Protein backbone atom coordinates (compact mmCIF):
# COMPACT_ATOMS: atom_id res chain seq x y z
CA UNK A 1 -156.90 19.37 4.18
CA UNK A 2 -157.16 19.74 8.21
CA UNK A 3 -160.66 20.23 9.76
CA UNK A 4 -161.51 21.79 12.97
CA UNK A 5 -164.84 21.58 14.25
CA UNK A 6 -166.62 24.32 16.55
CA UNK A 7 -168.84 22.74 18.36
CA UNK A 8 -169.07 18.74 19.84
CA UNK A 9 -172.37 17.87 19.82
CA UNK A 10 -174.47 15.22 18.28
CA UNK A 11 -173.40 16.42 14.41
CA UNK A 12 -170.00 16.90 15.21
CA UNK A 13 -169.68 13.30 16.49
CA UNK A 14 -171.37 12.05 12.94
CA UNK A 15 -169.31 14.00 10.92
CA UNK A 16 -166.22 13.19 13.23
CA UNK A 17 -166.75 9.12 12.68
CA UNK A 18 -167.11 9.49 8.59
CA UNK A 19 -164.21 11.14 8.42
CA UNK A 20 -162.34 8.64 11.47
CA UNK A 21 -163.42 5.87 9.06
CA UNK A 22 -162.37 7.12 5.78
CA UNK A 23 -159.79 10.04 6.76
CA UNK A 24 -158.19 10.09 9.89
CA UNK A 25 -155.58 12.33 8.99
CA UNK A 26 -158.33 15.59 8.54
CA UNK A 27 -159.23 15.42 11.83
CA UNK A 28 -157.38 18.09 13.87
CA UNK A 29 -158.77 20.64 16.13
CA UNK A 30 -162.37 20.83 18.24
CA UNK A 31 -163.67 23.72 19.96
CA UNK A 32 -166.38 23.71 22.97
CA UNK A 33 -166.67 26.34 25.45
CA UNK A 34 -166.24 23.88 27.77
CA UNK A 35 -162.92 22.39 27.95
CA UNK A 36 -163.74 19.58 29.52
CA UNK A 37 -165.97 18.18 27.36
CA UNK A 38 -163.83 19.41 23.70
CA UNK A 39 -161.14 16.94 25.31
CA UNK A 40 -163.06 14.52 26.02
CA UNK A 41 -164.78 14.72 22.03
CA UNK A 42 -160.95 14.96 21.03
CA UNK A 43 -160.04 11.66 23.04
CA UNK A 44 -162.73 9.72 21.28
CA UNK A 45 -162.65 10.34 17.91
CA UNK A 46 -159.15 11.27 17.60
CA UNK A 47 -158.31 14.97 17.30
CA UNK A 48 -155.24 16.08 17.93
CA UNK A 49 -156.31 19.78 19.48
CA UNK A 50 -158.70 20.55 21.68
CA UNK A 51 -159.56 23.91 22.67
CA UNK A 52 -161.92 26.00 24.99
CA UNK A 53 -162.72 28.88 22.80
CA UNK A 54 -163.80 29.20 19.59
CA UNK A 55 -161.60 31.94 18.63
CA UNK A 56 -158.27 29.68 19.33
CA UNK A 57 -159.16 27.58 17.01
CA UNK A 58 -160.16 29.87 14.33
CA UNK A 59 -156.61 31.67 15.14
CA UNK A 60 -154.80 28.14 14.66
CA UNK A 61 -152.41 28.62 11.47
CA UNK A 62 -152.95 24.59 11.00
CA UNK A 63 -156.70 24.65 10.46
CA UNK A 64 -158.03 24.78 6.79
CA UNK A 65 -161.38 24.49 6.85
CA UNK A 66 -163.88 24.96 10.08
CA UNK A 67 -167.35 23.00 10.20
CA UNK A 68 -169.75 24.87 12.24
CA UNK A 69 -171.61 22.09 14.24
CA UNK A 70 -173.47 24.85 16.70
CA UNK A 71 -177.15 25.85 16.75
CA UNK A 72 -178.55 27.67 14.05
CA UNK A 73 -178.91 30.74 16.49
CA UNK A 74 -175.15 30.42 16.49
CA UNK A 75 -174.12 29.11 13.06
CA UNK A 76 -173.88 33.14 11.58
CA UNK A 77 -171.52 34.31 14.58
CA UNK A 78 -169.22 31.18 14.23
CA UNK A 79 -168.62 31.45 10.35
CA UNK A 80 -168.17 34.96 10.24
CA UNK A 81 -165.76 34.32 13.02
CA UNK A 82 -163.71 31.66 10.70
CA UNK A 83 -164.21 34.06 7.23
CA UNK A 84 -162.69 36.77 9.22
CA UNK A 85 -159.68 34.92 9.85
CA UNK A 86 -159.31 33.61 6.60
CA UNK A 87 -160.84 29.93 6.94
CA UNK A 88 -162.94 27.93 4.71
CA UNK A 89 -166.33 26.98 6.14
CA UNK A 90 -168.78 24.48 5.87
CA UNK A 91 -171.87 25.33 8.25
CA UNK A 92 -174.41 22.92 8.99
CA UNK A 93 -177.81 23.54 8.01
CA UNK A 94 -180.01 25.23 8.30
CA UNK A 95 -177.15 27.92 6.97
CA UNK A 96 -178.27 30.69 9.17
CA UNK A 97 -181.42 31.97 11.15
CA UNK A 98 -182.75 34.33 8.38
CA UNK A 99 -181.73 35.52 4.99
CA UNK A 100 -180.17 38.54 5.99
CA UNK A 101 -177.17 36.88 8.02
CA UNK A 102 -176.74 34.56 4.72
CA UNK A 103 -176.26 37.23 2.67
CA UNK A 104 -174.16 38.83 4.95
CA UNK A 105 -172.18 35.72 5.11
CA UNK A 106 -171.69 35.28 1.86
CA UNK A 107 -170.53 38.77 1.40
CA UNK A 108 -167.78 38.26 3.61
CA UNK A 109 -166.49 35.27 2.16
CA UNK A 110 -166.41 36.87 -1.40
CA UNK A 111 -164.33 39.89 0.78
CA UNK A 112 -161.84 37.48 2.18
CA UNK A 113 -161.61 35.36 -1.06
CA UNK A 114 -162.45 32.25 1.29
CA UNK A 115 -164.27 28.97 0.48
CA UNK A 116 -168.24 28.94 2.36
CA UNK A 117 -170.87 26.31 1.86
CA UNK A 118 -173.88 25.11 3.58
CA UNK A 119 -174.00 21.39 4.75
CA UNK A 120 -176.95 20.07 3.06
CA UNK A 121 -175.44 16.75 2.84
CA UNK A 122 -178.14 15.41 0.17
CA UNK A 123 -177.11 17.63 -2.20
CA UNK A 124 -173.44 15.58 -2.60
CA UNK A 125 -175.17 11.95 -2.46
CA UNK A 126 -174.25 9.96 -5.53
CA UNK A 127 -177.86 8.65 -4.73
CA UNK A 128 -179.30 12.36 -5.32
CA UNK A 129 -177.72 13.20 -7.85
CA UNK A 130 -178.73 10.53 -10.02
CA UNK A 131 -182.31 11.84 -9.58
CA UNK A 132 -181.02 14.75 -11.69
CA UNK A 133 -179.34 12.94 -14.34
CA UNK A 134 -183.01 10.77 -15.02
CA UNK A 135 -185.12 14.01 -15.31
CA UNK A 136 -182.32 15.47 -17.64
CA UNK A 137 -182.82 12.17 -19.77
CA UNK A 138 -186.83 13.20 -20.09
CA UNK A 139 -187.59 9.54 -19.21
CA UNK A 140 -190.45 10.49 -17.29
CA UNK A 141 -191.10 14.44 -18.51
CA UNK A 142 -190.80 17.26 -16.21
CA UNK A 143 -191.74 17.52 -13.31
CA UNK A 144 -195.32 18.95 -12.25
CA UNK A 145 -196.15 18.13 -8.76
CA UNK A 146 -193.60 17.22 -5.94
CA UNK A 147 -194.34 16.31 -2.23
CA UNK A 148 -191.75 15.99 0.61
CA UNK A 149 -192.57 15.15 3.83
CA UNK A 150 -190.02 15.04 7.12
CA UNK A 151 -191.80 14.55 10.74
CA UNK A 152 -190.12 13.24 13.86
CA UNK A 153 -191.31 13.41 17.44
CA UNK A 154 -188.44 15.86 19.10
CA UNK A 155 -190.46 18.59 21.04
CA UNK A 156 -188.83 17.44 24.30
CA UNK A 157 -185.25 18.62 22.58
CA UNK A 158 -184.47 22.28 23.89
CA UNK A 159 -183.43 23.40 20.69
CA UNK A 160 -186.74 22.66 18.59
CA UNK A 161 -188.92 24.53 21.47
CA UNK A 162 -186.72 27.52 22.64
CA UNK A 163 -186.91 30.58 20.10
CA UNK A 164 -183.25 31.79 21.50
CA UNK A 165 -181.99 28.71 19.51
CA UNK A 166 -184.01 29.18 16.52
CA UNK A 167 -185.93 26.35 17.13
CA UNK A 168 -188.86 25.12 15.48
CA UNK A 169 -189.70 21.94 13.02
CA UNK A 170 -188.76 24.71 10.09
CA UNK A 171 -184.97 24.91 10.19
CA UNK A 172 -184.25 21.75 11.53
CA UNK A 173 -186.47 19.48 9.35
CA UNK A 174 -188.35 21.16 6.58
CA UNK A 175 -185.55 22.90 5.43
CA UNK A 176 -184.98 19.09 4.27
CA UNK A 177 -187.98 19.44 2.11
CA UNK A 178 -187.73 22.84 0.77
CA UNK A 179 -184.23 21.61 -0.46
CA UNK A 180 -185.76 18.69 -1.84
CA UNK A 181 -188.21 20.94 -4.03
CA UNK A 182 -185.69 23.09 -4.85
CA UNK A 183 -183.18 20.41 -6.37
CA UNK A 184 -185.59 19.11 -8.83
CA UNK A 185 -187.91 21.86 -9.84
CA UNK A 186 -186.34 24.39 -12.29
CA UNK A 187 -188.54 27.74 -11.94
CA UNK A 188 -188.53 30.21 -9.61
CA UNK A 189 -191.68 30.63 -6.86
CA UNK A 190 -193.95 32.65 -7.45
CA UNK A 191 -196.28 32.23 -4.94
CA UNK A 192 -196.72 30.38 -0.91
CA UNK A 193 -199.51 29.12 0.99
CA UNK A 194 -199.09 27.80 4.40
CA UNK A 195 -200.64 26.34 7.60
CA UNK A 196 -199.22 25.60 11.04
CA UNK A 197 -199.01 24.63 14.45
CA UNK A 198 -197.10 25.96 17.19
CA UNK A 199 -195.87 25.67 20.30
CA UNK A 200 -192.91 25.92 22.87
CA UNK A 201 -191.81 29.37 22.66
CA UNK A 202 -193.74 29.65 19.97
CA UNK A 203 -192.47 28.05 17.55
CA UNK A 204 -193.77 25.95 14.89
CA UNK A 205 -193.90 22.72 15.30
CA UNK A 206 -196.29 21.27 12.40
CA UNK A 207 -196.43 23.04 9.36
CA UNK A 208 -197.42 22.65 5.73
CA UNK A 209 -197.00 24.88 2.80
CA UNK A 210 -197.46 24.59 -0.89
CA UNK A 211 -195.09 26.50 -3.72
CA UNK A 212 -196.08 27.30 -6.76
CA UNK A 213 -193.62 27.99 -9.76
CA UNK A 214 -193.64 30.28 -12.43
CA UNK A 215 -193.27 27.05 -14.58
CA UNK A 216 -196.47 25.14 -13.95
CA UNK A 217 -195.00 23.24 -11.23
CA UNK A 218 -196.73 22.91 -7.56
CA UNK A 219 -194.66 21.91 -4.43
CA UNK A 220 -196.69 20.79 -1.50
CA UNK A 221 -194.04 19.65 1.72
CA UNK A 222 -194.63 19.36 5.30
CA UNK A 223 -192.89 18.86 8.71
CA UNK A 224 -193.55 18.17 12.28
CA UNK A 225 -191.56 17.63 14.88
CA UNK A 226 -194.20 16.32 17.36
CA UNK A 227 -194.97 13.29 15.48
CA UNK A 228 -193.78 10.32 13.10
CA UNK A 229 -194.96 10.42 9.83
CA UNK A 230 -193.75 9.93 6.15
CA UNK A 231 -190.27 11.07 5.20
CA UNK A 232 -190.68 10.40 1.41
CA UNK A 233 -190.04 12.53 -1.61
CA UNK A 234 -192.48 12.25 -4.65
CA UNK A 235 -191.68 13.72 -7.85
CA UNK A 236 -194.16 13.27 -10.57
CA UNK A 237 -193.42 14.09 -13.85
CA UNK A 238 -195.58 14.20 -16.69
CA UNK A 239 -194.60 10.41 -17.80
CA UNK A 240 -193.85 9.01 -14.78
CA UNK A 241 -193.01 9.19 -10.99
CA UNK A 242 -189.57 9.11 -8.83
CA UNK A 243 -190.14 8.02 -5.34
CA UNK A 244 -187.48 8.52 -2.55
CA UNK A 245 -187.36 7.24 0.38
CA UNK A 246 -186.43 9.28 2.77
CA UNK A 247 -185.91 13.14 2.01
CA UNK A 248 -183.29 13.79 4.83
CA UNK A 249 -181.10 10.24 4.56
CA UNK A 250 -181.85 9.24 1.18
CA UNK A 251 -180.93 4.83 0.31
CA UNK A 252 -183.43 4.07 -2.13
CA UNK A 253 -184.57 5.27 -5.08
CA UNK A 254 -187.43 4.39 -7.56
CA UNK A 255 -188.45 5.14 -11.13
CA UNK A 256 -192.27 4.24 -12.32
CA UNK A 257 -193.54 4.70 -16.08
CA UNK A 258 -196.56 6.33 -16.53
CA UNK A 259 -198.27 2.90 -16.39
CA UNK A 260 -196.89 2.61 -12.39
CA UNK A 261 -194.28 -0.36 -14.18
CA UNK A 262 -190.83 0.04 -12.38
CA UNK A 263 -188.24 0.93 -15.22
CA UNK A 264 -185.24 1.82 -12.40
CA UNK A 265 -184.46 1.65 -9.43
CA UNK A 266 -180.89 2.08 -6.69
CA UNK A 267 -179.48 2.71 -3.72
CA UNK A 268 -176.57 3.87 -2.15
CA UNK A 269 -172.91 3.42 -3.30
CA UNK A 270 -171.27 -0.01 -1.81
CA UNK A 271 -168.09 1.66 -0.58
CA UNK A 272 -170.66 4.38 1.22
CA UNK A 273 -169.71 5.11 4.74
CA UNK A 274 -172.24 7.37 5.95
CA UNK A 275 -173.32 10.10 3.64
CA UNK A 276 -171.56 12.79 5.38
CA UNK A 277 -168.37 12.06 3.45
CA UNK A 278 -169.49 13.61 -0.17
CA UNK A 279 -169.71 17.12 1.48
CA UNK A 280 -166.45 16.88 2.48
CA UNK A 281 -164.95 15.78 -0.75
CA UNK A 282 -167.10 18.49 -2.53
CA UNK A 283 -164.90 20.96 -0.44
CA UNK A 284 -161.59 19.32 -1.00
CA UNK A 285 -162.53 20.02 -5.02
CA UNK A 286 -163.44 23.39 -3.95
CA UNK A 287 -160.29 24.32 -2.02
CA UNK A 288 -158.30 22.41 -4.62
CA UNK A 289 -159.64 24.88 -7.72
CA UNK A 290 -159.74 27.93 -5.45
CA UNK A 291 -163.70 28.20 -5.39
CA UNK A 292 -165.56 30.15 -2.77
CA UNK A 293 -168.66 28.26 -3.38
CA UNK A 294 -169.41 24.76 -4.67
CA UNK A 295 -171.87 24.18 -8.04
CA UNK A 296 -173.73 21.54 -5.94
CA UNK A 297 -174.51 23.97 -3.17
CA UNK A 298 -174.06 27.44 -4.41
CA UNK A 299 -174.67 30.44 -2.63
CA UNK A 300 -177.69 31.34 -4.62
CA UNK A 301 -179.70 27.69 -3.64
CA UNK A 302 -178.77 28.87 -0.01
CA UNK A 303 -180.27 32.13 -0.30
CA UNK A 304 -183.37 31.12 -1.73
CA UNK A 305 -183.94 28.30 0.99
CA UNK A 306 -183.26 30.66 3.46
CA UNK A 307 -185.74 33.18 2.30
CA UNK A 308 -188.42 30.93 1.60
CA UNK A 309 -187.97 30.18 5.17
CA UNK A 310 -188.07 33.55 6.52
CA UNK A 311 -191.52 33.79 4.12
CA UNK A 312 -193.08 31.07 5.95
CA UNK A 313 -192.03 32.28 9.28
CA UNK A 314 -193.38 35.81 8.61
CA UNK A 315 -196.69 34.24 7.55
CA UNK A 316 -196.85 32.27 10.77
CA UNK A 317 -195.64 35.07 13.01
CA UNK A 318 -192.36 32.87 14.44
CA UNK A 319 -189.47 35.06 15.17
CA UNK A 320 -186.25 34.81 16.81
CA UNK A 321 -183.79 37.10 18.57
CA UNK A 322 -181.41 37.29 15.42
CA UNK A 323 -184.23 38.16 13.26
CA UNK A 324 -183.41 41.75 14.91
CA UNK A 325 -179.75 41.89 15.90
CA UNK A 326 -177.84 41.72 12.22
């Protein structure tokens, strides 16, 4: 599997570093609008090709899968470009700017019969997948109250403050909290209430939301781009609770019984490189089996998350140019 990366920013560097350590032979091409930047990136990370246009990268017959690592505002256009050239795609979270863009990309993937997946890396991590096993075992009972928080002071970052880049905390940080709830609550959302403080170009900087499910569970999530606070996720169950140290990058999970006694605890595998490698293992599995989606990050889960974030932005009056472009 030869990988081409669209974008040469922070996330592209993290992905490349992981692949270089585990599967350096996969590093094939990188594209940036600035050729010098692409060439520097390629040299530092061991890529074979550097392109100054995304069209060149997706037209290269050697590229098997394209990783979209550009800002949220450009995910739809760049992923669609790759799909229309018959390339499999892994697209950074948040998947797109809105649910309409997500729906269109999924339709195009089905039309062209190519693999498409959102890169919500926590979905693929063994440390996270084991939580599902504990819940399925019934040892702590069913989830009843889930809480998730992710706050980071980063309003000085342009992509956070600018509406044209689909800024705000929600698509960058809040998506992890919503994903945490989505992974472990087996129910349909019947109501959403929320509060927000806006800043920058009228985007969300701090928000809280409460999601009510038809199975009697509630999820309380909060995210902020202008303060430091808790990153934990807690799954409150009938006979105990499960605590995760960070919803965006879990390194330790602890299970408690009803009395508060710790009954299980685990961390990351000893051979884990960074955690990013698992989404590429999933992509390889999908390509080997001819799948257009992976069961750990199915298209319907991506659509659910995008629709929830659309609802929240509607409640807050946060809009992006992408909302009227499709």
